[in-house]
Structures are given as C-alpha cells and as structure tokens.
C-alpha cells in the first residue's frame, strides 16, 4: 500500500468517526493494533459495542470488508470483555460522494443480533 493510499484510508477513518460524532454518536477512533486489530472506530450500544471497519478503496469487495469487520469485532471482545458483545460492520466510501453517503454493510445475522441488542425486536 502506498503512503498516499494509507493517508486516504486514515483520513476516511477519521472522517467516519467525526461524522458520527457530529450526528450525536459517541464514536471514537481506535488506534492501530496490528495483527489483532479492533477496527477503525466504534461506539457503545445499549449493551455492547459497534465496531466499524472503514474502507476507502477504488474497488469494493463487500465480502472481504464485512469478514474483516467481524474478525475485528471478535478481537474487540477479547480485548475489552466488559464491552461485549461487539458487532462488526464495514463503512465503505462512495467515490465522489459526501461522507454521509457512505455504505454501512453487515451480514443479515449480524443485523438481527444488533436489532435484538438495541431492543428493536
């Protein structure tokens, strides 16, 4: 990965966290943790934590992005067991669109568990 691409990715991660904060979500950026990454950002839920993996890539690979977010949610639970359960989602940048038009992608099972967690079902 080139330095320019890494800088774009880091900026998108910050943009996601800042956007969510501006909308009243208590989102925080996560530091890079290497092999056991805990996602790029996250925020508390009624019970548990939402872990976000931000992706600003030219080519979109939803399956890979979502799989990575789920692994990072598990890593988050291991690192912060008191904040479990953790739910993973990928935030995918749309080219030439504002931050609010980014996609948030998660599996249907993860979505149902999230809805159960927040008391929607």
PDB file of N, CA and C in Angstrom:
ATOM      1  N   UNK A   1       0.852  -1.179   0.000  1.00  0.00           N
ATOM      2  CA  UNK A   1       0.000   0.000   0.000  1.00  0.00           C
ATOM      3  C   UNK A   1       0.891   1.232   0.000  1.00  0.00           C
ATOM      4  N   UNK A   2       0.597   2.158  -0.890  1.00  0.00           N
ATOM      5  CA  UNK A   2       1.405   3.373  -0.962  1.00  0.00           C
ATOM      6  C   UNK A   2       1.078   4.297   0.206  1.00  0.00           C
ATOM      7  N   UNK A   3       1.994   5.209   0.487  1.00  0.00           N
ATOM      8  CA  UNK A   3       1.783   6.178   1.563  1.00  0.00           C
ATOM      9  C   UNK A   3       0.560   7.043   1.277  1.00  0.00           C
ATOM     10  N   UNK A   4       0.342   7.388   0.011  1.00  0.00           N
ATOM     11  CA  UNK A   4      -0.815   8.211  -0.353  1.00  0.00           C
ATOM     12  C   UNK A   4      -2.122   7.467  -0.080  1.00  0.00           C
ATOM     13  N   UNK A   5      -2.164   6.179  -0.426  1.00  0.00           N
ATOM     14  CA  UNK A   5      -3.369   5.389  -0.170  1.00  0.00           C
ATOM     15  C   UNK A   5      -3.603   5.205   1.319  1.00  0.00           C
ATOM     16  N   UNK A   6      -2.539   4.989   2.067  1.00  0.00           N
ATOM     17  CA  UNK A   6      -2.669   4.844   3.513  1.00  0.00           C
ATOM     18  C   UNK A   6      -3.205   6.135   4.122  1.00  0.00           C
ATOM     19  N   UNK A   7      -2.719   7.267   3.652  1.00  0.00           N
ATOM     20  CA  UNK A   7      -3.186   8.569   4.153  1.00  0.00           C
ATOM     21  C   UNK A   7      -4.668   8.767   3.831  1.00  0.00           C
ATOM     22  N   UNK A   8      -5.102   8.356   2.632  1.00  0.00           N
ATOM     23  CA  UNK A   8      -6.520   8.459   2.272  1.00  0.00           C
ATOM     24  C   UNK A   8      -7.369   7.589   3.185  1.00  0.00           C
ATOM     25  N   UNK A   9      -6.882   6.382   3.471  1.00  0.00           N
ATOM     26  CA  UNK A   9      -7.614   5.486   4.358  1.00  0.00           C
ATOM     27  C   UNK A   9      -7.717   6.040   5.764  1.00  0.00           C
ATOM     28  N   UNK A  10      -6.616   6.574   6.269  1.00  0.00           N
ATOM     29  CA  UNK A  10      -6.604   7.161   7.610  1.00  0.00           C
ATOM     30  C   UNK A  10      -7.552   8.354   7.675  1.00  0.00           C
ATOM     31  N   UNK A  11      -7.554   9.175   6.625  1.00  0.00           N
ATOM     32  CA  UNK A  11      -8.459  10.327   6.590  1.00  0.00           C
ATOM     33  C   UNK A  11      -9.912   9.860   6.596  1.00  0.00           C
ATOM     34  N   UNK A  12     -10.226   8.830   5.835  1.00  0.00           N
ATOM     35  CA  UNK A  12     -11.601   8.326   5.803  1.00  0.00           C
ATOM     36  C   UNK A  12     -12.008   7.792   7.171  1.00  0.00           C
ATOM     37  N   UNK A  13     -11.112   7.077   7.845  1.00  0.00           N
ATOM     38  CA  UNK A  13     -11.405   6.580   9.189  1.00  0.00           C
ATOM     39  C   UNK A  13     -11.757   7.738  10.122  1.00  0.00           C
ATOM     40  N   UNK A  14     -10.959   8.799  10.079  1.00  0.00           N
ATOM     41  CA  UNK A  14     -11.228   9.979  10.909  1.00  0.00           C
ATOM     42  C   UNK A  14     -12.522  10.658  10.489  1.00  0.00           C
ATOM     43  N   UNK A  15     -12.753  10.747   9.185  1.00  0.00           N
ATOM     44  CA  UNK A  15     -13.974  11.368   8.683  1.00  0.00           C
ATOM     45  C   UNK A  15     -15.219  10.617   9.176  1.00  0.00           C
ATOM     46  N   UNK A  16     -15.154   9.286   9.182  1.00  0.00           N
ATOM     47  CA  UNK A  16     -16.284   8.475   9.658  1.00  0.00           C
ATOM     48  C   UNK A  16     -16.550   8.777  11.127  1.00  0.00           C
ATOM     49  N   UNK A  17     -15.514   8.723  11.956  1.00  0.00           N
ATOM     50  CA  UNK A  17     -15.683   8.991  13.381  1.00  0.00           C
ATOM     51  C   UNK A  17     -16.202  10.408  13.615  1.00  0.00           C
ATOM     52  N   UNK A  18     -15.626  11.381  12.925  1.00  0.00           N
ATOM     53  CA  UNK A  18     -16.054  12.772  13.091  1.00  0.00           C
ATOM     54  C   UNK A  18     -17.493  12.978  12.637  1.00  0.00           C
ATOM     55  N   UNK A  19     -17.873  12.354  11.541  1.00  0.00           N
ATOM     56  CA  UNK A  19     -19.239  12.473  11.045  1.00  0.00           C
ATOM     57  C   UNK A  19     -20.224  11.909  12.070  1.00  0.00           C
ATOM     58  N   UNK A  20     -19.928  10.729  12.576  1.00  0.00           N
ATOM     59  CA  UNK A  20     -20.830  10.122  13.559  1.00  0.00           C
ATOM     60  C   UNK A  20     -20.923  10.990  14.814  1.00  0.00           C
ATOM     61  N   UNK A  21     -19.788  11.526  15.257  1.00  0.00           N
ATOM     62  CA  UNK A  21     -19.809  12.424  16.407  1.00  0.00           C
ATOM     63  C   UNK A  21     -20.681  13.642  16.137  1.00  0.00           C
ATOM     64  N   UNK A  22     -20.587  14.197  14.930  1.00  0.00           N
ATOM     65  CA  UNK A  22     -21.384  15.376  14.581  1.00  0.00           C
ATOM     66  C   UNK A  22     -22.877  15.075  14.561  1.00  0.00           C
ATOM     67  N   UNK A  23     -23.229  13.791  14.440  1.00  0.00           N
ATOM     68  CA  UNK A  23     -24.626  13.370  14.437  1.00  0.00           C
ATOM     69  C   UNK A  23     -25.064  12.865  15.806  1.00  0.00           C
ATOM     70  N   UNK A  24     -24.220  13.059  16.825  1.00  0.00           N
ATOM     71  CA  UNK A  24     -24.589  12.707  18.189  1.00  0.00           C
ATOM     72  C   UNK A  24     -24.195  11.312  18.642  1.00  0.00           C
ATOM     73  N   UNK A  25     -23.453  10.582  17.805  1.00  0.00           N
ATOM     74  CA  UNK A  25     -22.994   9.235  18.159  1.00  0.00           C
ATOM     75  C   UNK A  25     -21.672   9.370  18.906  1.00  0.00           C
ATOM     76  N   UNK A  26     -21.533   8.677  20.022  1.00  0.00           N
ATOM     77  CA  UNK A  26     -20.304   8.754  20.825  1.00  0.00           C
ATOM     78  C   UNK A  26     -19.222   7.845  20.231  1.00  0.00           C
ATOM     79  N   UNK A  27     -18.855   8.143  19.022  1.00  0.00           N
ATOM     80  CA  UNK A  27     -17.886   7.342  18.279  1.00  0.00           C
ATOM     81  C   UNK A  27     -16.465   7.788  18.603  1.00  0.00           C
ATOM     82  N   UNK A  28     -15.571   6.814  18.689  1.00  0.00           N
ATOM     83  CA  UNK A  28     -14.159   7.137  18.901  1.00  0.00           C
ATOM     84  C   UNK A  28     -13.319   6.341  17.912  1.00  0.00           C
ATOM     85  N   UNK A  29     -12.225   6.942  17.502  1.00  0.00           N
ATOM     86  CA  UNK A  29     -11.263   6.258  16.630  1.00  0.00           C
ATOM     87  C   UNK A  29     -10.480   5.259  17.463  1.00  0.00           C
ATOM     88  N   UNK A  30     -10.176   4.127  16.884  1.00  0.00           N
ATOM     89  CA  UNK A  30      -9.352   3.135  17.555  1.00  0.00           C
ATOM     90  C   UNK A  30      -7.925   3.233  17.022  1.00  0.00           C
ATOM     91  N   UNK A  31      -6.951   3.091  17.902  1.00  0.00           N
ATOM     92  CA  UNK A  31      -5.562   3.079  17.428  1.00  0.00           C
ATOM     93  C   UNK A  31      -5.280   1.775  16.669  1.00  0.00           C
ATOM     94  N   UNK A  32      -4.326   1.829  15.777  1.00  0.00           N
ATOM     95  CA  UNK A  32      -3.915   0.608  15.065  1.00  0.00           C
ATOM     96  C   UNK A  32      -3.282  -0.338  16.079  1.00  0.00           C
ATOM     97  N   UNK A  33      -3.691  -1.602  16.011  1.00  0.00           N
ATOM     98  CA  UNK A  33      -3.171  -2.569  16.983  1.00  0.00           C
ATOM     99  C   UNK A  33      -2.492  -3.757  16.328  1.00  0.00           C
ATOM    100  N   UNK A  34      -2.250  -3.673  15.035  1.00  0.00           N
ATOM    101  CA  UNK A  34      -1.508  -4.735  14.367  1.00  0.00           C
ATOM    102  C   UNK A  34      -2.335  -5.961  14.086  1.00  0.00           C
ATOM    103  N   UNK A  35      -1.767  -7.117  14.383  1.00  0.00           N
ATOM    104  CA  UNK A  35      -2.359  -8.393  13.989  1.00  0.00           C
ATOM    105  C   UNK A  35      -3.737  -8.617  14.612  1.00  0.00           C
ATOM    106  N   UNK A  36      -3.977  -8.136  15.794  1.00  0.00           N
ATOM    107  CA  UNK A  36      -5.274  -8.303  16.455  1.00  0.00           C
ATOM    108  C   UNK A  36      -6.057  -6.996  16.442  1.00  0.00           C
ATOM    109  N   UNK A  37      -6.198  -6.423  15.255  1.00  0.00           N
ATOM    110  CA  UNK A  37      -6.850  -5.125  15.075  1.00  0.00           C
ATOM    111  C   UNK A  37      -8.266  -5.169  15.642  1.00  0.00           C
ATOM    112  N   UNK A  38      -8.696  -4.056  16.239  1.00  0.00           N
ATOM    113  CA  UNK A  38     -10.015  -3.966  16.858  1.00  0.00           C
ATOM    114  C   UNK A  38     -10.935  -3.023  16.077  1.00  0.00           C
ATOM    115  N   UNK A  39     -10.662  -2.839  14.803  1.00  0.00           N
ATOM    116  CA  UNK A  39     -11.480  -1.962  13.977  1.00  0.00           C
ATOM    117  C   UNK A  39     -10.932  -0.553  13.958  1.00  0.00           C
ATOM    118  N   UNK A  40     -11.499   0.258  13.092  1.00  0.00           N
ATOM    119  CA  UNK A  40     -11.023   1.626  12.931  1.00  0.00           C
ATOM    120  C   UNK A  40     -11.721   2.609  13.858  1.00  0.00           C
ATOM    121  N   UNK A  41     -12.947   2.283  14.239  1.00  0.00           N
ATOM    122  CA  UNK A  41     -13.726   3.160  15.111  1.00  0.00           C
ATOM    123  C   UNK A  41     -14.807   2.316  15.768  1.00  0.00           C
ATOM    124  N   UNK A  42     -15.440   2.889  16.768  1.00  0.00           N
ATOM    125  CA  UNK A  42     -16.522   2.176  17.419  1.00  0.00           C
ATOM    126  C   UNK A  42     -17.292   3.079  18.357  1.00  0.00           C
ATOM    127  N   UNK A  43     -18.427   2.571  18.792  1.00  0.00           N
ATOM    128  CA  UNK A  43     -19.242   3.328  19.730  1.00  0.00           C
ATOM    129  C   UNK A  43     -20.079   2.372  20.581  1.00  0.00           C
ATOM    130  N   UNK A  44     -20.443   2.824  21.789  1.00  0.00           N
ATOM    131  CA  UNK A  44     -21.223   1.971  22.682  1.00  0.00           C
ATOM    132  C   UNK A  44     -22.677   1.866  22.238  1.00  0.00           C
ATOM    133  N   UNK A  45     -23.265   0.720  22.516  1.00  0.00           N
ATOM    134  CA  UNK A  45     -24.681   0.472  22.280  1.00  0.00           C
ATOM    135  C   UNK A  45     -25.366   0.311  23.642  1.00  0.00           C
ATOM    136  N   UNK A  46     -26.667   0.028  23.662  1.00  0.00           N
ATOM    137  CA  UNK A  46     -27.351  -0.221  24.932  1.00  0.00           C
ATOM    138  C   UNK A  46     -26.575  -1.238  25.759  1.00  0.00           C
ATOM    139  N   UNK A  47     -26.213  -2.310  25.093  1.00  0.00           N
ATOM    140  CA  UNK A  47     -25.361  -3.349  25.677  1.00  0.00           C
ATOM    141  C   UNK A  47     -24.411  -3.757  24.565  1.00  0.00           C
ATOM    142  N   UNK A  48     -23.137  -3.568  24.774  1.00  0.00           N
ATOM    143  CA  UNK A  48     -22.172  -3.951  23.758  1.00  0.00           C
ATOM    144  C   UNK A  48     -21.612  -2.763  23.005  1.00  0.00           C
ATOM    145  N   UNK A  49     -20.960  -3.076  21.900  1.00  0.00           N
ATOM    146  CA  UNK A  49     -20.225  -2.074  21.134  1.00  0.00           C
ATOM    147  C   UNK A  49     -20.371  -2.342  19.640  1.00  0.00           C
ATOM    148  N   UNK A  50     -20.486  -1.272  18.867  1.00  0.00           N
ATOM    149  CA  UNK A  50     -20.464  -1.364  17.407  1.00  0.00           C
ATOM    150  C   UNK A  50     -19.038  -1.097  16.965  1.00  0.00           C
ATOM    151  N   UNK A  51     -18.450  -2.022  16.227  1.00  0.00           N
ATOM    152  CA  UNK A  51     -17.077  -1.904  15.726  1.00  0.00           C
ATOM    153  C   UNK A  51     -17.149  -1.661  14.224  1.00  0.00           C
ATOM    154  N   UNK A  52     -16.488  -0.594  13.786  1.00  0.00           N
ATOM    155  CA  UNK A  52     -16.534  -0.214  12.376  1.00  0.00           C
ATOM    156  C   UNK A  52     -15.181  -0.392  11.710  1.00  0.00           C
ATOM    157  N   UNK A  53     -15.210  -0.964  10.529  1.00  0.00           N
ATOM    158  CA  UNK A  53     -14.027  -1.088   9.683  1.00  0.00           C
ATOM    159  C   UNK A  53     -14.259  -0.182   8.478  1.00  0.00           C
ATOM    160  N   UNK A  54     -13.509   0.907   8.387  1.00  0.00           N
ATOM    161  CA  UNK A  54     -13.691   1.892   7.316  1.00  0.00           C
ATOM    162  C   UNK A  54     -12.830   1.524   6.109  1.00  0.00           C
ATOM    163  N   UNK A  55     -13.446   1.576   4.940  1.00  0.00           N
ATOM    164  CA  UNK A  55     -12.748   1.214   3.702  1.00  0.00           C
ATOM    165  C   UNK A  55     -12.947   2.300   2.652  1.00  0.00           C
ATOM    166  N   UNK A  56     -11.852   2.861   2.174  1.00  0.00           N
ATOM    167  CA  UNK A  56     -11.869   3.853   1.098  1.00  0.00           C
ATOM    168  C   UNK A  56     -11.030   3.303  -0.043  1.00  0.00           C
ATOM    169  N   UNK A  57     -11.601   2.377  -0.774  1.00  0.00           N
ATOM    170  CA  UNK A  57     -10.878   1.698  -1.840  1.00  0.00           C
ATOM    171  C   UNK A  57     -11.524   1.980  -3.186  1.00  0.00           C
ATOM    172  N   UNK A  58     -10.725   1.924  -4.221  1.00  0.00           N
ATOM    173  CA  UNK A  58     -11.243   2.102  -5.569  1.00  0.00           C
ATOM    174  C   UNK A  58     -12.153   0.936  -5.944  1.00  0.00           C
ATOM    175  N   UNK A  59     -11.740  -0.270  -5.565  1.00  0.00           N
ATOM    176  CA  UNK A  59     -12.501  -1.475  -5.854  1.00  0.00           C
ATOM    177  C   UNK A  59     -13.197  -1.948  -4.579  1.00  0.00           C
ATOM    178  N   UNK A  60     -14.491  -2.156  -4.650  1.00  0.00           N
ATOM    179  CA  UNK A  60     -15.273  -2.559  -3.475  1.00  0.00           C
ATOM    180  C   UNK A  60     -15.417  -4.072  -3.451  1.00  0.00           C
ATOM    181  N   UNK A  61     -15.031  -4.670  -2.323  1.00  0.00           N
ATOM    182  CA  UNK A  61     -15.140  -6.114  -2.101  1.00  0.00           C
ATOM    183  C   UNK A  61     -15.893  -6.318  -0.788  1.00  0.00           C
ATOM    184  N   UNK A  62     -17.218  -6.297  -0.857  1.00  0.00           N
ATOM    185  CA  UNK A  62     -18.040  -6.333   0.347  1.00  0.00           C
ATOM    186  C   UNK A  62     -17.777  -7.558   1.213  1.00  0.00           C
ATOM    187  N   UNK A  63     -17.643  -8.721   0.598  1.00  0.00           N
ATOM    188  CA  UNK A  63     -17.442  -9.940   1.374  1.00  0.00           C
ATOM    189  C   UNK A  63     -16.175  -9.844   2.224  1.00  0.00           C
ATOM    190  N   UNK A  64     -15.098  -9.373   1.640  1.00  0.00           N
ATOM    191  CA  UNK A  64     -13.839  -9.239   2.369  1.00  0.00           C
ATOM    192  C   UNK A  64     -13.945  -8.174   3.448  1.00  0.00           C
ATOM    193  N   UNK A  65     -14.553  -7.035   3.132  1.00  0.00           N
ATOM    194  CA  UNK A  65     -14.671  -5.947   4.102  1.00  0.00           C
ATOM    195  C   UNK A  65     -15.503  -6.370   5.308  1.00  0.00           C
ATOM    196  N   UNK A  66     -16.630  -7.046   5.060  1.00  0.00           N
ATOM    197  CA  UNK A  66     -17.500  -7.474   6.159  1.00  0.00           C
ATOM    198  C   UNK A  66     -16.829  -8.570   6.976  1.00  0.00           C
ATOM    199  N   UNK A  67     -16.164  -9.501   6.310  1.00  0.00           N
ATOM    200  CA  UNK A  67     -15.451 -10.553   7.038  1.00  0.00           C
ATOM    201  C   UNK A  67     -14.408  -9.946   7.966  1.00  0.00           C
ATOM    202  N   UNK A  68     -13.693  -8.937   7.486  1.00  0.00           N
ATOM    203  CA  UNK A  68     -12.687  -8.266   8.309  1.00  0.00           C
ATOM    204  C   UNK A  68     -13.342  -7.579   9.503  1.00  0.00           C
ATOM    205  N   UNK A  69     -14.499  -6.955   9.299  1.00  0.00           N
ATOM    206  CA  UNK A  69     -15.177  -6.277  10.410  1.00  0.00           C
ATOM    207  C   UNK A  69     -15.621  -7.276  11.480  1.00  0.00           C
ATOM    208  N   UNK A  70     -16.027  -8.460  11.056  1.00  0.00           N
ATOM    209  CA  UNK A  70     -16.466  -9.472  12.024  1.00  0.00           C
ATOM    210  C   UNK A  70     -15.287 -10.010  12.837  1.00  0.00           C
ATOM    211  N   UNK A  71     -14.154 -10.228  12.192  1.00  0.00           N
ATOM    212  CA  UNK A  71     -12.947 -10.659  12.912  1.00  0.00           C
ATOM    213  C   UNK A  71     -12.541  -9.584  13.914  1.00  0.00           C
ATOM    214  N   UNK A  72     -12.600  -8.340  13.504  1.00  0.00           N
ATOM    215  CA  UNK A  72     -12.185  -7.245  14.386  1.00  0.00           C
ATOM    216  C   UNK A  72     -13.156  -7.057  15.535  1.00  0.00           C
ATOM    217  N   UNK A  73     -14.436  -7.380  15.337  1.00  0.00           N
ATOM    218  CA  UNK A  73     -15.393  -7.344  16.439  1.00  0.00           C
ATOM    219  C   UNK A  73     -15.038  -8.401  17.486  1.00  0.00           C
ATOM    220  N   UNK A  74     -14.652  -9.586  17.033  1.00  0.00           N
ATOM    221  CA  UNK A  74     -14.218 -10.645  17.964  1.00  0.00           C
ATOM    222  C   UNK A  74     -12.959 -10.206  18.699  1.00  0.00           C
ATOM    223  N   UNK A  75     -12.005  -9.614  17.974  1.00  0.00           N
ATOM    224  CA  UNK A  75     -10.787  -9.106  18.617  1.00  0.00           C
ATOM    225  C   UNK A  75     -11.126  -8.056  19.675  1.00  0.00           C
ATOM    226  N   UNK A  76     -12.102  -7.204  19.373  1.00  0.00           N
ATOM    227  CA  UNK A  76     -12.522  -6.173  20.325  1.00  0.00           C
ATOM    228  C   UNK A  76     -13.077  -6.821  21.596  1.00  0.00           C
ATOM    229  N   UNK A  77     -13.912  -7.836  21.425  1.00  0.00           N
ATOM    230  CA  UNK A  77     -14.483  -8.536  22.586  1.00  0.00           C
ATOM    231  C   UNK A  77     -13.396  -9.146  23.455  1.00  0.00           C
ATOM    232  N   UNK A  78     -12.365  -9.706  22.818  1.00  0.00           N
ATOM    233  CA  UNK A  78     -11.272 -10.314  23.580  1.00  0.00           C
ATOM    234  C   UNK A  78     -10.480  -9.256  24.343  1.00  0.00           C
ATOM    235  N   UNK A  79     -10.287  -8.108  23.728  1.00  0.00           N
ATOM    236  CA  UNK A  79      -9.506  -7.053  24.368  1.00  0.00           C
ATOM    237  C   UNK A  79     -10.310  -6.311  25.431  1.00  0.00           C
ATOM    238  N   UNK A  80     -11.615  -6.157  25.205  1.00  0.00           N
ATOM    239  CA  UNK A  80     -12.487  -5.424  26.128  1.00  0.00           C
ATOM    240  C   UNK A  80     -13.714  -6.264  26.475  1.00  0.00           C
ATOM    241  N   UNK A  81     -13.551  -7.339  27.243  1.00  0.00           N
ATOM    242  CA  UNK A  81     -14.685  -8.230  27.518  1.00  0.00           C
ATOM    243  C   UNK A  81     -15.855  -7.547  28.222  1.00  0.00           C
ATOM    244  N   UNK A  82     -15.599  -6.517  28.985  1.00  0.00           N
ATOM    245  CA  UNK A  82     -16.678  -5.809  29.682  1.00  0.00           C
ATOM    246  C   UNK A  82     -17.574  -5.040  28.708  1.00  0.00           C
ATOM    247  N   UNK A  83     -17.086  -4.808  27.476  1.00  0.00           N
ATOM    248  CA  UNK A  83     -17.857  -4.054  26.487  1.00  0.00           C
ATOM    249  C   UNK A  83     -18.514  -4.964  25.447  1.00  0.00           C
ATOM    250  N   UNK A  84     -18.492  -6.276  25.696  1.00  0.00           N
ATOM    251  CA  UNK A  84     -19.106  -7.248  24.790  1.00  0.00           C
ATOM    252  C   UNK A  84     -20.625  -7.224  24.996  1.00  0.00           C
ATOM    253  N   UNK A  85     -21.370  -7.660  23.996  1.00  0.00           N
ATOM    254  CA  UNK A  85     -20.920  -8.179  22.713  1.00  0.00           C
ATOM    255  C   UNK A  85     -20.524  -7.049  21.764  1.00  0.00           C
ATOM    256  N   UNK A  86     -19.677  -7.392  20.802  1.00  0.00           N
ATOM    257  CA  UNK A  86     -19.273  -6.440  19.777  1.00  0.00           C
ATOM    258  C   UNK A  86     -19.883  -6.863  18.448  1.00  0.00           C
ATOM    259  N   UNK A  87     -20.377  -5.892  17.720  1.00  0.00           N
ATOM    260  CA  UNK A  87     -20.985  -6.123  16.418  1.00  0.00           C
ATOM    261  C   UNK A  87     -20.119  -5.442  15.371  1.00  0.00           C
ATOM    262  N   UNK A  88     -19.871  -6.116  14.261  1.00  0.00           N
ATOM    263  CA  UNK A  88     -18.998  -5.575  13.228  1.00  0.00           C
ATOM    264  C   UNK A  88     -19.753  -5.132  11.994  1.00  0.00           C
ATOM    265  N   UNK A  89     -19.291  -4.015  11.433  1.00  0.00           N
ATOM    266  CA  UNK A  89     -19.841  -3.524  10.166  1.00  0.00           C
ATOM    267  C   UNK A  89     -18.735  -2.811   9.400  1.00  0.00           C
ATOM    268  N   UNK A  90     -18.821  -2.882   8.090  1.00  0.00           N
ATOM    269  CA  UNK A  90     -17.882  -2.161   7.228  1.00  0.00           C
ATOM    270  C   UNK A  90     -18.540  -0.857   6.786  1.00  0.00           C
ATOM    271  N   UNK A  91     -17.785   0.223   6.840  1.00  0.00           N
ATOM    272  CA  UNK A  91     -18.236   1.507   6.304  1.00  0.00           C
ATOM    273  C   UNK A  91     -17.426   1.725   5.029  1.00  0.00           C
ATOM    274  N   UNK A  92     -18.114   1.778   3.904  1.00  0.00           N
ATOM    275  CA  UNK A  92     -17.460   1.787   2.605  1.00  0.00           C
ATOM    276  C   UNK A  92     -17.698   3.129   1.909  1.00  0.00           C
ATOM    277  N   UNK A  93     -16.599   3.786   1.589  1.00  0.00           N
ATOM    278  CA  UNK A  93     -16.667   5.096   0.935  1.00  0.00           C
ATOM    279  C   UNK A  93     -17.220   4.960  -0.475  1.00  0.00           C
ATOM    280  N   UNK A  94     -18.079   5.898  -0.816  1.00  0.00           N
ATOM    281  CA  UNK A  94     -18.563   6.002  -2.192  1.00  0.00           C
ATOM    282  C   UNK A  94     -17.751   7.084  -2.881  1.00  0.00           C
ATOM    283  N   UNK A  95     -17.197   6.760  -4.004  1.00  0.00           N
ATOM    284  CA  UNK A  95     -16.347   7.716  -4.725  1.00  0.00           C
ATOM    285  C   UNK A  95     -17.134   8.958  -5.116  1.00  0.00           C
ATOM    286  N   UNK A  96     -16.508  10.097  -4.897  1.00  0.00           N
ATOM    287  CA  UNK A  96     -17.045  11.401  -5.260  1.00  0.00           C
ATOM    288  C   UNK A  96     -18.395  11.690  -4.615  1.00  0.00           C
ATOM    289  N   UNK A  97     -18.604  11.147  -3.406  1.00  0.00           N
ATOM    290  CA  UNK A  97     -19.826  11.381  -2.639  1.00  0.00           C
ATOM    291  C   UNK A  97     -19.438  11.880  -1.255  1.00  0.00           C
ATOM    292  N   UNK A  98     -20.312  12.643  -0.598  1.00  0.00           N
ATOM    293  CA  UNK A  98     -20.011  13.088   0.765  1.00  0.00           C
ATOM    294  C   UNK A  98     -20.025  11.922   1.750  1.00  0.00           C
ATOM    295  N   UNK A  99     -19.419  12.140   2.896  1.00  0.00           N
ATOM    296  CA  UNK A  99     -19.263  11.089   3.906  1.00  0.00           C
ATOM    297  C   UNK A  99     -20.605  10.467   4.301  1.00  0.00           C
ATOM    298  N   UNK A 100     -21.639  11.271   4.366  1.00  0.00           N
ATOM    299  CA  UNK A 100     -22.954  10.750   4.750  1.00  0.00           C
ATOM    300  C   UNK A 100     -23.551   9.779   3.755  1.00  0.00           C
ATOM    301  N   UNK A 101     -23.001   9.701   2.556  1.00  0.00           N
ATOM    302  CA  UNK A 101     -23.474   8.762   1.548  1.00  0.00           C
ATOM    303  C   UNK A 101     -22.684   7.447   1.526  1.00  0.00           C
ATOM    304  N   UNK A 102     -21.777   7.279   2.476  1.00  0.00           N
ATOM    305  CA  UNK A 102     -21.032   6.018   2.554  1.00  0.00           C
ATOM    306  C   UNK A 102     -21.997   4.875   2.865  1.00  0.00           C
ATOM    307  N   UNK A 103     -21.607   3.674   2.487  1.00  0.00           N
ATOM    308  CA  UNK A 103     -22.405   2.485   2.779  1.00  0.00           C
ATOM    309  C   UNK A 103     -21.989   1.904   4.129  1.00  0.00           C
ATOM    310  N   UNK A 104     -22.957   1.405   4.877  1.00  0.00           N
ATOM    311  CA  UNK A 104     -22.679   0.622   6.081  1.00  0.00           C
ATOM    312  C   UNK A 104     -23.182  -0.781   5.771  1.00  0.00           C
ATOM    313  N   UNK A 105     -22.268  -1.759   5.829  1.00  0.00           N
ATOM    314  CA  UNK A 105     -22.585  -3.112   5.378  1.00  0.00           C
ATOM    315  C   UNK A 105     -22.290  -4.110   6.486  1.00  0.00           C
ATOM    316  N   UNK A 106     -23.250  -4.987   6.739  1.00  0.00           N
ATOM    317  CA  UNK A 106     -23.058  -6.070   7.692  1.00  0.00           C
ATOM    318  C   UNK A 106     -23.898  -7.252   7.244  1.00  0.00           C
ATOM    319  N   UNK A 107     -23.624  -8.409   7.804  1.00  0.00           N
ATOM    320  CA  UNK A 107     -24.401  -9.580   7.430  1.00  0.00           C
ATOM    321  C   UNK A 107     -25.809  -9.455   8.010  1.00  0.00           C
ATOM    322  N   UNK A 108     -26.740 -10.182   7.429  1.00  0.00           N
ATOM    323  CA  UNK A 108     -28.111 -10.158   7.929  1.00  0.00           C
ATOM    324  C   UNK A 108     -28.172 -10.701   9.351  1.00  0.00           C
ATOM    325  N   UNK A 109     -27.406 -11.761   9.644  1.00  0.00           N
ATOM    326  CA  UNK A 109     -27.372 -12.299  11.007  1.00  0.00           C
ATOM    327  C   UNK A 109     -26.847 -11.258  11.995  1.00  0.00           C
ATOM    328  N   UNK A 110     -25.785 -10.555  11.608  1.00  0.00           N
ATOM    329  CA  UNK A 110     -25.229  -9.525  12.482  1.00  0.00           C
ATOM    330  C   UNK A 110     -26.254  -8.409  12.698  1.00  0.00           C
ATOM    331  N   UNK A 111     -26.986  -8.067  11.644  1.00  0.00           N
ATOM    332  CA  UNK A 111     -28.016  -7.040  11.726  1.00  0.00           C
ATOM    333  C   UNK A 111     -29.128  -7.447  12.698  1.00  0.00           C
ATOM    334  N   UNK A 112     -29.584  -8.691  12.604  1.00  0.00           N
ATOM    335  CA  UNK A 112     -30.634  -9.180  13.505  1.00  0.00           C
ATOM    336  C   UNK A 112     -30.143  -9.156  14.952  1.00  0.00           C
ATOM    337  N   UNK A 113     -28.914  -9.619  15.186  1.00  0.00           N
ATOM    338  CA  UNK A 113     -28.360  -9.586  16.546  1.00  0.00           C
ATOM    339  C   UNK A 113     -28.255  -8.157  17.057  1.00  0.00           C
ATOM    340  N   UNK A 114     -27.868  -7.239  16.207  1.00  0.00           N
ATOM    341  CA  UNK A 114     -27.799  -5.833  16.569  1.00  0.00           C
ATOM    342  C   UNK A 114     -29.187  -5.309  16.940  1.00  0.00           C
ATOM    343  N   UNK A 115     -30.189  -5.610  16.141  1.00  0.00           N
ATOM    344  CA  UNK A 115     -31.558  -5.183  16.439  1.00  0.00           C
ATOM    345  C   UNK A 115     -32.051  -5.768  17.762  1.00  0.00           C
ATOM    346  N   UNK A 116     -31.733  -7.020  18.016  1.00  0.00           N
ATOM    347  CA  UNK A 116     -32.110  -7.627  19.295  1.00  0.00           C
ATOM    348  C   UNK A 116     -31.413  -6.927  20.446  1.00  0.00           C
ATOM    349  N   UNK A 117     -30.163  -6.572  20.254  1.00  0.00           N
ATOM    350  CA  UNK A 117     -29.369  -5.919  21.281  1.00  0.00           C
ATOM    351  C   UNK A 117     -29.942  -4.550  21.655  1.00  0.00           C
ATOM    352  N   UNK A 118     -30.413  -3.799  20.680  1.00  0.00           N
ATOM    353  CA  UNK A 118     -30.929  -2.459  20.959  1.00  0.00           C
ATOM    354  C   UNK A 118     -32.420  -2.461  21.287  1.00  0.00           C
ATOM    355  N   UNK A 119     -33.008  -3.640  21.359  1.00  0.00           N
ATOM    356  CA  UNK A 119     -34.406  -3.750  21.760  1.00  0.00           C
ATOM    357  C   UNK A 119     -35.402  -3.470  20.664  1.00  0.00           C
ATOM    358  N   UNK A 120     -34.994  -3.563  19.409  1.00  0.00           N
ATOM    359  CA  UNK A 120     -35.904  -3.301  18.298  1.00  0.00           C
ATOM    360  C   UNK A 120     -36.754  -4.523  17.972  1.00  0.00           C
ATOM    361  N   UNK A 121     -36.357  -5.695  18.445  1.00  0.00           N
ATOM    362  CA  UNK A 121     -37.140  -6.928  18.228  1.00  0.00           C
ATOM    363  C   UNK A 121     -37.180  -7.720  19.519  1.00  0.00           C
TER     364      UNK A 121
END
